[in-house]
Amino acid sequence: MATAYTSGRAVLRAEASVAGKAPAGPPAWLVDEDEEEKRPKLRVRTVWISDTHLGTPGCNADLLLDFLRSVRCDTLYLVGDIIDGWRLKRGWYWPTRHNDVVRRVMKMAKKGTRVVYVPGNHDEVLRDFVGLTFGDIELVAEAVHLTADGRQLLVLHGDEFDGVVLYARWLAFLGDHAYALLLKLNIWFNAARRQLGLPYWSLSAFLKHRVKRAVEFISRFEEAVAHAAALRGADGVVCGHIHSAEIRQFGRITYYNDGDWVESCTALVEHHDGRMEILDWAARSRRDAARVRRATAAVA
């Protein structure tokens, strides 16, 4: 990396001398990659993320990229709806930051992290390629993860337990349009917060958890997924799909949901002793912003 960076600077200097101008410096992406190697890493055994919905305006790519650059793990599970094929069919949306996320995941795979991709309903086109490996990334229909303390966890996206997606697909698409509108409101709301110097806060997640029927649906979904894991003889299950990070116990089955990166910006991690934890990266960014504000105020 250092060699490539040094060579890049040499080329820029040569070009600048020919043009008679001061060198502009290395491209932004190269600086980002260089800084990425310097930052301290959160070291964990396993990471699960899902529902990033790359290809949509609602994706919090900046926070997601910050998380991926801040963590080092042995295994990374991409638990479905990573790329939103439903939205991309309606119109192309793919900003540079979304490309940066893909490049970061591929770099992690190249540098030794085992990356396992379990497609969901929004990226269901990839289910046709299950069993293949693309750029060191494994595509599987589902996985079984063995934790450091010897527990078997079934890993799947979870849309197979969503009756709306299974039996009323047209209603799922209608709900997707309504949800897209809610996420647009969320973007405008947070744009206003940024103008006021306030960090990210999810209006859509707040509203969803205040709606009684949504809460009831989430509860039924969690029970169904946990029951399926028990029938499979697993000790627990990890899924996504409903954009609601959670760790719950159903009898002997532990239910884990890693959340999403359009509302809550959460990931599920396994520490090296087998302990499981949900990381709320949006809350972390708010704490960091608050510390910066306090430090700035103290200096002032």
C-alpha atoms as a PDB file:
ATOM      1  CA  MET A   1       0.000   0.000   0.000  1.00  0.00           C
ATOM      2  CA  ALA A   2       2.812   2.397   0.930  1.00  0.00           C
ATOM      3  CA  THR A   3       4.578   1.663  -2.385  1.00  0.00           C
ATOM      4  CA  ALA A   4       1.424   2.380  -4.390  1.00  0.00           C
ATOM      5  CA  TYR A   5       0.866   5.594  -2.431  1.00  0.00           C
ATOM      6  CA  THR A   6       4.471   6.763  -2.960  1.00  0.00           C
ATOM      7  CA  SER A   7       4.321   5.957  -6.671  1.00  0.00           C
ATOM      8  CA  GLY A   8       1.049   7.812  -6.986  1.00  0.00           C
ATOM      9  CA  ARG A   9       2.561  10.937  -5.440  1.00  0.00           C
ATOM     10  CA  ALA A  10       5.546  10.735  -7.790  1.00  0.00           C
ATOM     11  CA  VAL A  11       3.266  10.609 -10.829  1.00  0.00           C
ATOM     12  CA  LEU A  12       1.273  13.568  -9.559  1.00  0.00           C
ATOM     13  CA  ARG A  13       4.458  15.611  -9.025  1.00  0.00           C
ATOM     14  CA  ALA A  14       5.667  14.796 -12.555  1.00  0.00           C
ATOM     15  CA  GLU A  15       2.342  15.801 -14.075  1.00  0.00           C
ATOM     16  CA  ALA A  16       2.291  19.009 -12.042  1.00  0.00           C
ATOM     17  CA  SER A  17       5.809  19.983 -13.136  1.00  0.00           C
ATOM     18  CA  VAL A  18       4.834  19.548 -16.787  1.00  0.00           C
ATOM     19  CA  ALA A  19       1.746  21.673 -16.306  1.00  0.00           C
ATOM     20  CA  GLY A  20       3.684  24.251 -14.280  1.00  0.00           C
ATOM     21  CA  LYS A  21       1.281  23.909 -11.341  1.00  0.00           C
ATOM     22  CA  ALA A  22       1.557  22.781  -7.734  1.00  0.00           C
ATOM     23  CA  PRO A  23       0.646  19.120  -7.248  1.00  0.00           C
ATOM     24  CA  ALA A  24      -2.995  18.590  -6.353  1.00  0.00           C
ATOM     25  CA  GLY A  25      -2.213  15.660  -4.029  1.00  0.00           C
ATOM     26  CA  PRO A  26      -3.346  12.052  -4.230  1.00  0.00           C
ATOM     27  CA  PRO A  27      -6.933  11.222  -5.156  1.00  0.00           C
ATOM     28  CA  ALA A  28      -9.398  11.252  -2.266  1.00  0.00           C
ATOM     29  CA  TRP A  29     -10.014   7.501  -2.370  1.00  0.00           C
ATOM     30  CA  LEU A  30      -6.287   6.804  -2.014  1.00  0.00           C
ATOM     31  CA  VAL A  31      -6.040   9.071   1.018  1.00  0.00           C
ATOM     32  CA  ASP A  32      -9.083   7.329   2.524  1.00  0.00           C
ATOM     33  CA  GLU A  33      -7.458   3.926   2.047  1.00  0.00           C
ATOM     34  CA  ASP A  34      -4.199   5.177   3.601  1.00  0.00           C
ATOM     35  CA  GLU A  35      -5.959   6.662   6.619  1.00  0.00           C
ATOM     36  CA  GLU A  36      -8.013   3.488   6.970  1.00  0.00           C
ATOM     37  CA  GLU A  37      -4.878   1.452   7.739  1.00  0.00           C
ATOM     38  CA  LYS A  38      -3.837   3.886  10.484  1.00  0.00           C
ATOM     39  CA  ARG A  39      -7.074   3.952  12.459  1.00  0.00           C
ATOM     40  CA  PRO A  40      -7.416   1.661  15.513  1.00  0.00           C
ATOM     41  CA  LYS A  41      -9.482  -1.451  14.869  1.00  0.00           C
ATOM     42  CA  LEU A  42     -12.240  -3.035  16.892  1.00  0.00           C
ATOM     43  CA  ARG A  43     -11.142  -6.671  16.924  1.00  0.00           C
ATOM     44  CA  VAL A  44     -13.918  -9.259  17.050  1.00  0.00           C
ATOM     45  CA  ARG A  45     -14.325 -12.852  15.916  1.00  0.00           C
ATOM     46  CA  THR A  46     -17.449 -12.466  13.745  1.00  0.00           C
ATOM     47  CA  VAL A  47     -19.597  -9.658  12.322  1.00  0.00           C
ATOM     48  CA  TRP A  48     -23.135  -9.880  10.922  1.00  0.00           C
ATOM     49  CA  ILE A  49     -24.666  -7.024   8.930  1.00  0.00           C
ATOM     50  CA  SER A  50     -27.764  -6.958   6.740  1.00  0.00           C
ATOM     51  CA  ASP A  51     -30.258  -4.666   5.032  1.00  0.00           C
ATOM     52  CA  THR A  52     -27.739  -2.076   3.910  1.00  0.00           C
ATOM     53  CA  HIS A  53     -29.877  -1.438   0.795  1.00  0.00           C
ATOM     54  CA  LEU A  54     -27.035  -0.158  -1.354  1.00  0.00           C
ATOM     55  CA  GLY A  55     -28.530   1.482  -4.426  1.00  0.00           C
ATOM     56  CA  THR A  56     -31.087   3.524  -2.479  1.00  0.00           C
ATOM     57  CA  PRO A  57     -30.946   7.073  -1.055  1.00  0.00           C
ATOM     58  CA  GLY A  58     -31.878   5.652   2.354  1.00  0.00           C
ATOM     59  CA  CYS A  59     -28.632   3.714   2.747  1.00  0.00           C
ATOM     60  CA  ASN A  60     -26.377   5.275   5.388  1.00  0.00           C
ATOM     61  CA  ALA A  61     -23.237   4.478   3.411  1.00  0.00           C
ATOM     62  CA  ASP A  62     -21.026   6.909   5.342  1.00  0.00           C
ATOM     63  CA  LEU A  63     -21.781   5.264   8.685  1.00  0.00           C
ATOM     64  CA  LEU A  64     -21.528   1.786   7.148  1.00  0.00           C
ATOM     65  CA  LEU A  65     -18.157   2.556   5.595  1.00  0.00           C
ATOM     66  CA  ASP A  66     -16.928   4.026   8.878  1.00  0.00           C
ATOM     67  CA  PHE A  67     -17.956   0.820  10.661  1.00  0.00           C
ATOM     68  CA  LEU A  68     -16.307  -1.479   8.126  1.00  0.00           C
ATOM     69  CA  ARG A  69     -13.093   0.528   8.300  1.00  0.00           C
ATOM     70  CA  SER A  70     -13.149   0.399  12.107  1.00  0.00           C
ATOM     71  CA  VAL A  71     -13.558  -3.347  12.561  1.00  0.00           C
ATOM     72  CA  ARG A  72     -11.333  -6.361  12.016  1.00  0.00           C
ATOM     73  CA  CYS A  73     -12.917  -9.826  12.092  1.00  0.00           C
ATOM     74  CA  ASP A  74     -12.277 -13.421  11.088  1.00  0.00           C
ATOM     75  CA  THR A  75     -15.687 -13.825   9.429  1.00  0.00           C
ATOM     76  CA  LEU A  76     -18.123 -11.290   7.984  1.00  0.00           C
ATOM     77  CA  TYR A  77     -21.680 -12.428   7.238  1.00  0.00           C
ATOM     78  CA  LEU A  78     -23.724 -10.324   4.795  1.00  0.00           C
ATOM     79  CA  VAL A  79     -27.225 -11.401   5.800  1.00  0.00           C
ATOM     80  CA  GLY A  80     -29.284 -10.275   2.820  1.00  0.00           C
ATOM     81  CA  ASP A  81     -30.652  -7.102   1.221  1.00  0.00           C
ATOM     82  CA  ILE A  82     -27.133  -5.769   0.824  1.00  0.00           C
ATOM     83  CA  ILE A  83     -27.880  -4.460  -2.682  1.00  0.00           C
ATOM     84  CA  ASP A  84     -31.453  -3.327  -3.328  1.00  0.00           C
ATOM     85  CA  GLY A  85     -32.317  -4.850  -6.698  1.00  0.00           C
ATOM     86  CA  TRP A  86     -35.976  -3.820  -6.373  1.00  0.00           C
ATOM     87  CA  ARG A  87     -35.062  -0.117  -6.372  1.00  0.00           C
ATOM     88  CA  LEU A  88     -32.352  -0.409  -9.016  1.00  0.00           C
ATOM     89  CA  LYS A  89     -34.909  -1.924 -11.395  1.00  0.00           C
ATOM     90  CA  ARG A  90     -37.003   1.244 -11.046  1.00  0.00           C
ATOM     91  CA  GLY A  91     -34.098   3.612 -11.609  1.00  0.00           C
ATOM     92  CA  TRP A  92     -30.326   3.622 -11.292  1.00  0.00           C
ATOM     93  CA  TYR A  93     -28.912   5.157  -8.114  1.00  0.00           C
ATOM     94  CA  TRP A  94     -25.331   4.347  -7.206  1.00  0.00           C
ATOM     95  CA  PRO A  95     -23.252   7.158  -5.635  1.00  0.00           C
ATOM     96  CA  THR A  96     -19.509   6.883  -5.078  1.00  0.00           C
ATOM     97  CA  ARG A  97     -19.886   6.050  -1.386  1.00  0.00           C
ATOM     98  CA  HIS A  98     -21.847   2.896  -2.258  1.00  0.00           C
ATOM     99  CA  ASN A  99     -18.982   1.835  -4.481  1.00  0.00           C
ATOM    100  CA  ASP A 100     -16.595   2.510  -1.582  1.00  0.00           C
ATOM    101  CA  VAL A 101     -18.577   0.119   0.616  1.00  0.00           C
ATOM    102  CA  VAL A 102     -18.361  -2.661  -1.987  1.00  0.00           C
ATOM    103  CA  ARG A 103     -14.643  -2.037  -2.431  1.00  0.00           C
ATOM    104  CA  ARG A 104     -14.090  -2.168   1.345  1.00  0.00           C
ATOM    105  CA  VAL A 105     -15.887  -5.528   1.663  1.00  0.00           C
ATOM    106  CA  MET A 106     -13.867  -6.965  -1.217  1.00  0.00           C
ATOM    107  CA  LYS A 107     -10.666  -5.673   0.359  1.00  0.00           C
ATOM    108  CA  MET A 108     -11.567  -7.374   3.658  1.00  0.00           C
ATOM    109  CA  ALA A 109     -12.097 -10.638   1.769  1.00  0.00           C
ATOM    110  CA  LYS A 110      -8.795 -10.210  -0.067  1.00  0.00           C
ATOM    111  CA  LYS A 111      -6.914  -9.598   3.175  1.00  0.00           C
ATOM    112  CA  GLY A 112      -8.107 -12.800   4.841  1.00  0.00           C
ATOM    113  CA  THR A 113     -11.574 -12.172   6.263  1.00  0.00           C
ATOM    114  CA  ARG A 114     -13.991 -14.924   5.321  1.00  0.00           C
ATOM    115  CA  VAL A 115     -16.982 -13.146   3.727  1.00  0.00           C
ATOM    116  CA  VAL A 116     -20.245 -15.099   3.457  1.00  0.00           C
ATOM    117  CA  TYR A 117     -23.176 -13.568   1.544  1.00  0.00           C
ATOM    118  CA  VAL A 118     -26.706 -14.867   2.253  1.00  0.00           C
ATOM    119  CA  PRO A 119     -29.001 -13.127  -0.310  1.00  0.00           C
ATOM    120  CA  GLY A 120     -32.339 -11.706   0.820  1.00  0.00           C
ATOM    121  CA  ASN A 121     -35.524 -10.769  -1.006  1.00  0.00           C
ATOM    122  CA  HIS A 122     -34.269  -7.405  -2.296  1.00  0.00           C
ATOM    123  CA  ASP A 123     -31.138  -9.022  -3.755  1.00  0.00           C
ATOM    124  CA  GLU A 124     -32.877 -12.291  -4.604  1.00  0.00           C
ATOM    125  CA  VAL A 125     -31.336 -12.322  -8.106  1.00  0.00           C
ATOM    126  CA  LEU A 126     -28.142 -13.546  -6.412  1.00  0.00           C
ATOM    127  CA  ARG A 127     -29.947 -16.673  -5.194  1.00  0.00           C
ATOM    128  CA  ASP A 128     -29.495 -18.069  -8.706  1.00  0.00           C
ATOM    129  CA  PHE A 129     -25.732 -18.119  -8.020  1.00  0.00           C
ATOM    130  CA  VAL A 130     -25.780 -19.797  -4.588  1.00  0.00           C
ATOM    131  CA  GLY A 131     -22.864 -22.190  -4.241  1.00  0.00           C
ATOM    132  CA  LEU A 132     -20.482 -20.016  -6.236  1.00  0.00           C
ATOM    133  CA  THR A 133     -17.704 -17.701  -5.055  1.00  0.00           C
ATOM    134  CA  PHE A 134     -17.248 -14.198  -6.458  1.00  0.00           C
ATOM    135  CA  GLY A 135     -14.068 -12.297  -5.652  1.00  0.00           C
ATOM    136  CA  ASP A 136     -13.401 -14.367  -2.503  1.00  0.00           C
ATOM    137  CA  ILE A 137     -17.032 -13.881  -1.362  1.00  0.00           C
ATOM    138  CA  GLU A 138     -19.083 -17.050  -0.778  1.00  0.00           C
ATOM    139  CA  LEU A 139     -22.746 -17.067  -1.855  1.00  0.00           C
ATOM    140  CA  VAL A 140     -24.933 -19.401   0.239  1.00  0.00           C
ATOM    141  CA  ALA A 141     -28.669 -19.844   0.788  1.00  0.00           C
ATOM    142  CA  GLU A 142     -28.095 -20.061   4.549  1.00  0.00           C
ATOM    143  CA  ALA A 143     -25.233 -20.890   6.879  1.00  0.00           C
ATOM    144  CA  VAL A 144     -24.517 -22.534  10.217  1.00  0.00           C
ATOM    145  CA  HIS A 145     -22.056 -20.619  12.382  1.00  0.00           C
ATOM    146  CA  LEU A 146     -20.164 -22.287  15.240  1.00  0.00           C
ATOM    147  CA  THR A 147     -19.434 -19.787  18.000  1.00  0.00           C
ATOM    148  CA  ALA A 148     -16.262 -19.718  20.072  1.00  0.00           C
ATOM    149  CA  ASP A 149     -18.180 -21.238  22.999  1.00  0.00           C
ATOM    150  CA  GLY A 150     -19.507 -24.125  20.874  1.00  0.00           C
ATOM    151  CA  ARG A 151     -23.047 -23.010  19.966  1.00  0.00           C
ATOM    152  CA  GLN A 152     -24.545 -23.577  16.523  1.00  0.00           C
ATOM    153  CA  LEU A 153     -26.308 -20.556  15.021  1.00  0.00           C
ATOM    154  CA  LEU A 154     -28.488 -20.779  11.934  1.00  0.00           C
ATOM    155  CA  VAL A 155     -27.828 -17.739   9.696  1.00  0.00           C
ATOM    156  CA  LEU A 156     -30.510 -16.668   7.193  1.00  0.00           C
ATOM    157  CA  HIS A 157     -32.076 -13.463   5.921  1.00  0.00           C
ATOM    158  CA  GLY A 158     -35.588 -14.154   7.236  1.00  0.00           C
ATOM    159  CA  ASP A 159     -37.896 -13.171   4.378  1.00  0.00           C
ATOM    160  CA  GLU A 160     -39.044 -16.805   4.182  1.00  0.00           C
ATOM    161  CA  PHE A 161     -40.911 -16.152   7.460  1.00  0.00           C
ATOM    162  CA  ASP A 162     -42.596 -12.971   6.222  1.00  0.00           C
ATOM    163  CA  GLY A 163     -46.123 -13.875   5.098  1.00  0.00           C
ATOM    164  CA  VAL A 164     -46.492 -10.627   3.142  1.00  0.00           C
ATOM    165  CA  VAL A 165     -43.422 -11.341   1.021  1.00  0.00           C
ATOM    166  CA  LEU A 166     -44.359 -14.998   0.529  1.00  0.00           C
ATOM    167  CA  TYR A 167     -48.092 -14.854  -0.138  1.00  0.00           C
ATOM    168  CA  ALA A 168     -48.868 -11.262  -1.184  1.00  0.00           C
ATOM    169  CA  ARG A 169     -45.917 -10.092  -3.225  1.00  0.00           C
ATOM    170  CA  TRP A 170     -47.830  -7.165  -4.725  1.00  0.00           C
ATOM    171  CA  LEU A 171     -48.531  -5.930  -1.173  1.00  0.00           C
ATOM    172  CA  ALA A 172     -44.846  -6.218  -0.361  1.00  0.00           C
ATOM    173  CA  PHE A 173     -43.986  -3.976  -3.305  1.00  0.00           C
ATOM    174  CA  LEU A 174     -46.700  -1.497  -2.272  1.00  0.00           C
ATOM    175  CA  GLY A 175     -45.298  -1.447   1.247  1.00  0.00           C
ATOM    176  CA  ASP A 176     -41.835  -0.933  -0.216  1.00  0.00           C
ATOM    177  CA  HIS A 177     -43.007   2.256  -1.973  1.00  0.00           C
ATOM    178  CA  ALA A 178     -44.553   3.580   1.256  1.00  0.00           C
ATOM    179  CA  TYR A 179     -41.391   2.722   3.146  1.00  0.00           C
ATOM    180  CA  ALA A 180     -39.301   4.523   0.501  1.00  0.00           C
ATOM    181  CA  LEU A 181     -41.384   7.669   1.105  1.00  0.00           C
ATOM    182  CA  LEU A 182     -40.791   7.374   4.843  1.00  0.00           C
ATOM    183  CA  LEU A 183     -37.047   7.042   4.252  1.00  0.00           C
ATOM    184  CA  LYS A 184     -37.079  10.174   2.053  1.00  0.00           C
ATOM    185  CA  LEU A 185     -38.675  12.034   4.948  1.00  0.00           C
ATOM    186  CA  ASN A 186     -35.910  10.609   7.120  1.00  0.00           C
ATOM    187  CA  ILE A 187     -33.246  12.010   4.740  1.00  0.00           C
ATOM    188  CA  TRP A 188     -34.797  15.509   4.744  1.00  0.00           C
ATOM    189  CA  PHE A 189     -35.228  15.389   8.515  1.00  0.00           C
ATOM    190  CA  ASN A 190     -31.562  14.521   9.043  1.00  0.00           C
ATOM    191  CA  ALA A 191     -30.436  17.127   6.504  1.00  0.00           C
ATOM    192  CA  ALA A 192     -32.144  19.712   8.727  1.00  0.00           C
ATOM    193  CA  ARG A 193     -30.430  18.215  11.797  1.00  0.00           C
ATOM    194  CA  ARG A 194     -27.032  18.514  10.085  1.00  0.00           C
ATOM    195  CA  GLN A 195     -27.712  22.213   9.415  1.00  0.00           C
ATOM    196  CA  LEU A 196     -28.262  22.577  13.153  1.00  0.00           C
ATOM    197  CA  GLY A 197     -25.041  20.694  13.909  1.00  0.00           C
ATOM    198  CA  LEU A 198     -26.887  17.628  15.237  1.00  0.00           C
ATOM    199  CA  PRO A 199     -25.905  13.997  14.508  1.00  0.00           C
ATOM    200  CA  TYR A 200     -27.984  11.344  12.707  1.00  0.00           C
ATOM    201  CA  TRP A 201     -31.258  10.201  14.313  1.00  0.00           C
ATOM    202  CA  SER A 202     -33.769   7.918  12.621  1.00  0.00           C
ATOM    203  CA  LEU A 203     -37.249   9.381  12.384  1.00  0.00           C
ATOM    204  CA  SER A 204     -38.466   6.318  10.442  1.00  0.00           C
ATOM    205  CA  ALA A 205     -37.258   3.882  13.114  1.00  0.00           C
ATOM    206  CA  PHE A 206     -38.887   5.998  15.842  1.00  0.00           C
ATOM    207  CA  LEU A 207     -42.233   6.043  14.036  1.00  0.00           C
ATOM    208  CA  LYS A 208     -42.109   2.329  13.200  1.00  0.00           C
ATOM    209  CA  HIS A 209     -41.591   1.322  16.825  1.00  0.00           C
ATOM    210  CA  ARG A 210     -44.521   3.506  17.890  1.00  0.00           C
ATOM    211  CA  VAL A 211     -46.967   1.733  15.577  1.00  0.00           C
ATOM    212  CA  LYS A 212     -48.706  -1.079  17.437  1.00  0.00           C
ATOM    213  CA  ARG A 213     -49.238  -3.367  14.435  1.00  0.00           C
ATOM    214  CA  ALA A 214     -45.585  -3.094  13.423  1.00  0.00           C
ATOM    215  CA  VAL A 215     -44.561  -4.121  16.943  1.00  0.00           C
ATOM    216  CA  GLU A 216     -46.953  -7.088  16.831  1.00  0.00           C
ATOM    217  CA  PHE A 217     -45.583  -8.176  13.434  1.00  0.00           C
ATOM    218  CA  ILE A 218     -41.993  -8.032  14.700  1.00  0.00           C
ATOM    219  CA  SER A 219     -42.912 -10.145  17.729  1.00  0.00           C
ATOM    220  CA  ARG A 220     -44.626 -12.827  15.586  1.00  0.00           C
ATOM    221  CA  PHE A 221     -41.704 -12.831  13.151  1.00  0.00           C
ATOM    222  CA  GLU A 222     -39.171 -13.369  15.944  1.00  0.00           C
ATOM    223  CA  GLU A 223     -41.183 -16.286  17.371  1.00  0.00           C
ATOM    224  CA  ALA A 224     -41.491 -17.955  13.942  1.00  0.00           C
ATOM    225  CA  VAL A 225     -37.763 -17.681  13.222  1.00  0.00           C
ATOM    226  CA  ALA A 226     -36.828 -19.011  16.676  1.00  0.00           C
ATOM    227  CA  HIS A 227     -39.252 -21.938  16.256  1.00  0.00           C
ATOM    228  CA  ALA A 228     -37.679 -22.844  12.911  1.00  0.00           C
ATOM    229  CA  ALA A 229     -34.209 -22.802  14.490  1.00  0.00           C
ATOM    230  CA  ALA A 230     -35.424 -25.162  17.223  1.00  0.00           C
ATOM    231  CA  LEU A 231     -36.797 -27.579  14.607  1.00  0.00           C
ATOM    232  CA  ARG A 232     -33.387 -27.527  12.885  1.00  0.00           C
ATOM    233  CA  GLY A 233     -31.613 -28.432  16.135  1.00  0.00           C
ATOM    234  CA  ALA A 234     -29.707 -25.144  16.348  1.00  0.00           C
ATOM    235  CA  ASP A 235     -28.899 -23.279  19.542  1.00  0.00           C
ATOM    236  CA  GLY A 236     -29.796 -19.925  18.045  1.00  0.00           C
ATOM    237  CA  VAL A 237     -30.550 -18.018  14.870  1.00  0.00           C
ATOM    238  CA  VAL A 238     -29.195 -14.829  13.264  1.00  0.00           C
ATOM    239  CA  CYS A 239     -31.331 -12.966  10.727  1.00  0.00           C
ATOM    240  CA  GLY A 240     -32.177  -9.534   9.357  1.00  0.00           C
ATOM    241  CA  HIS A 241     -35.094  -8.485   7.127  1.00  0.00           C
ATOM    242  CA  ILE A 242     -37.300  -6.589   9.603  1.00  0.00           C
ATOM    243  CA  HIS A 243     -34.810  -3.777  10.355  1.00  0.00           C
ATOM    244  CA  SER A 244     -35.087  -4.295  14.099  1.00  0.00           C
ATOM    245  CA  ALA A 245     -31.914  -5.219  16.010  1.00  0.00           C
ATOM    246  CA  GLU A 246     -32.656  -7.550  18.900  1.00  0.00           C
ATOM    247  CA  ILE A 247     -31.339 -10.304  21.157  1.00  0.00           C
ATOM    248  CA  ARG A 248     -34.132 -12.395  22.716  1.00  0.00           C
ATOM    249  CA  GLN A 249     -34.456 -15.769  24.346  1.00  0.00           C
ATOM    250  CA  PHE A 250     -37.219 -18.176  23.260  1.00  0.00           C
ATOM    251  CA  GLY A 251     -36.833 -21.242  25.485  1.00  0.00           C
ATOM    252  CA  ARG A 252     -33.440 -22.728  24.656  1.00  0.00           C
ATOM    253  CA  ILE A 253     -33.174 -20.724  21.398  1.00  0.00           C
ATOM    254  CA  THR A 254     -31.420 -17.362  21.284  1.00  0.00           C
ATOM    255  CA  TYR A 255     -32.782 -15.086  18.581  1.00  0.00           C
ATOM    256  CA  TYR A 256     -30.430 -12.477  17.111  1.00  0.00           C
ATOM    257  CA  ASN A 257     -31.339  -9.799  14.592  1.00  0.00           C
ATOM    258  CA  ASP A 258     -28.494  -7.614  13.334  1.00  0.00           C
ATOM    259  CA  GLY A 259     -30.746  -4.684  12.367  1.00  0.00           C
ATOM    260  CA  ASP A 260     -30.080  -2.547   9.295  1.00  0.00           C
ATOM    261  CA  TRP A 261     -28.181   0.403   7.802  1.00  0.00           C
ATOM    262  CA  VAL A 262     -31.065   2.594   6.666  1.00  0.00           C
ATOM    263  CA  GLU A 263     -32.622   3.261  10.072  1.00  0.00           C
ATOM    264  CA  SER A 264     -30.797   1.995  13.146  1.00  0.00           C
ATOM    265  CA  CYS A 265     -27.286   1.441  11.665  1.00  0.00           C
ATOM    266  CA  THR A 266     -26.491  -1.614  13.761  1.00  0.00           C
ATOM    267  CA  ALA A 267     -24.366  -4.748  13.511  1.00  0.00           C
ATOM    268  CA  LEU A 268     -24.178  -7.964  15.495  1.00  0.00           C
ATOM    269  CA  VAL A 269     -20.704  -9.038  16.625  1.00  0.00           C
ATOM    270  CA  GLU A 270     -19.242 -12.084  18.319  1.00  0.00           C
ATOM    271  CA  HIS A 271     -16.290 -11.479  20.607  1.00  0.00           C
ATOM    272  CA  HIS A 272     -13.451 -13.967  20.826  1.00  0.00           C
ATOM    273  CA  ASP A 273     -14.950 -15.609  23.935  1.00  0.00           C
ATOM    274  CA  GLY A 274     -18.291 -16.232  22.174  1.00  0.00           C
ATOM    275  CA  ARG A 275     -20.076 -13.284  23.768  1.00  0.00           C
ATOM    276  CA  MET A 276     -22.575 -11.653  21.383  1.00  0.00           C
ATOM    277  CA  GLU A 277     -23.326  -7.938  21.217  1.00  0.00           C
ATOM    278  CA  ILE A 278     -25.310  -5.502  19.090  1.00  0.00           C
ATOM    279  CA  LEU A 279     -23.266  -2.453  18.097  1.00  0.00           C
ATOM    280  CA  ASP A 280     -25.314   0.688  17.514  1.00  0.00           C
ATOM    281  CA  TRP A 281     -23.028   2.681  15.210  1.00  0.00           C
ATOM    282  CA  ALA A 282     -25.425   5.630  14.928  1.00  0.00           C
ATOM    283  CA  ALA A 283     -25.494   5.972  18.728  1.00  0.00           C
ATOM    284  CA  ARG A 284     -21.701   5.744  18.758  1.00  0.00           C
ATOM    285  CA  SER A 285     -21.477   8.565  16.199  1.00  0.00           C
ATOM    286  CA  ARG A 286     -23.813  10.665  18.341  1.00  0.00           C
ATOM    287  CA  ARG A 287     -21.606  10.069  21.411  1.00  0.00           C
ATOM    288  CA  ASP A 288     -18.499  10.988  19.406  1.00  0.00           C
ATOM    289  CA  ALA A 289     -20.182  14.159  18.125  1.00  0.00           C
ATOM    290  CA  ALA A 290     -21.204  15.090  21.664  1.00  0.00           C
ATOM    291  CA  ARG A 291     -17.617  14.642  22.881  1.00  0.00           C
ATOM    292  CA  VAL A 292     -16.354  16.869  20.081  1.00  0.00           C
ATOM    293  CA  ARG A 293     -18.926  19.541  20.956  1.00  0.00           C
ATOM    294  CA  ARG A 294     -17.940  19.407  24.638  1.00  0.00           C
ATOM    295  CA  ALA A 295     -14.239  19.623  23.786  1.00  0.00           C
ATOM    296  CA  THR A 296     -14.871  22.548  21.416  1.00  0.00           C
ATOM    297  CA  ALA A 297     -16.934  24.336  24.055  1.00  0.00           C
ATOM    298  CA  ALA A 298     -14.198  23.790  26.654  1.00  0.00           C
ATOM    299  CA  VAL A 299     -11.556  25.263  24.342  1.00  0.00           C
ATOM    300  CA  ALA A 300     -13.821  28.209  23.512  1.00  0.00           C
END
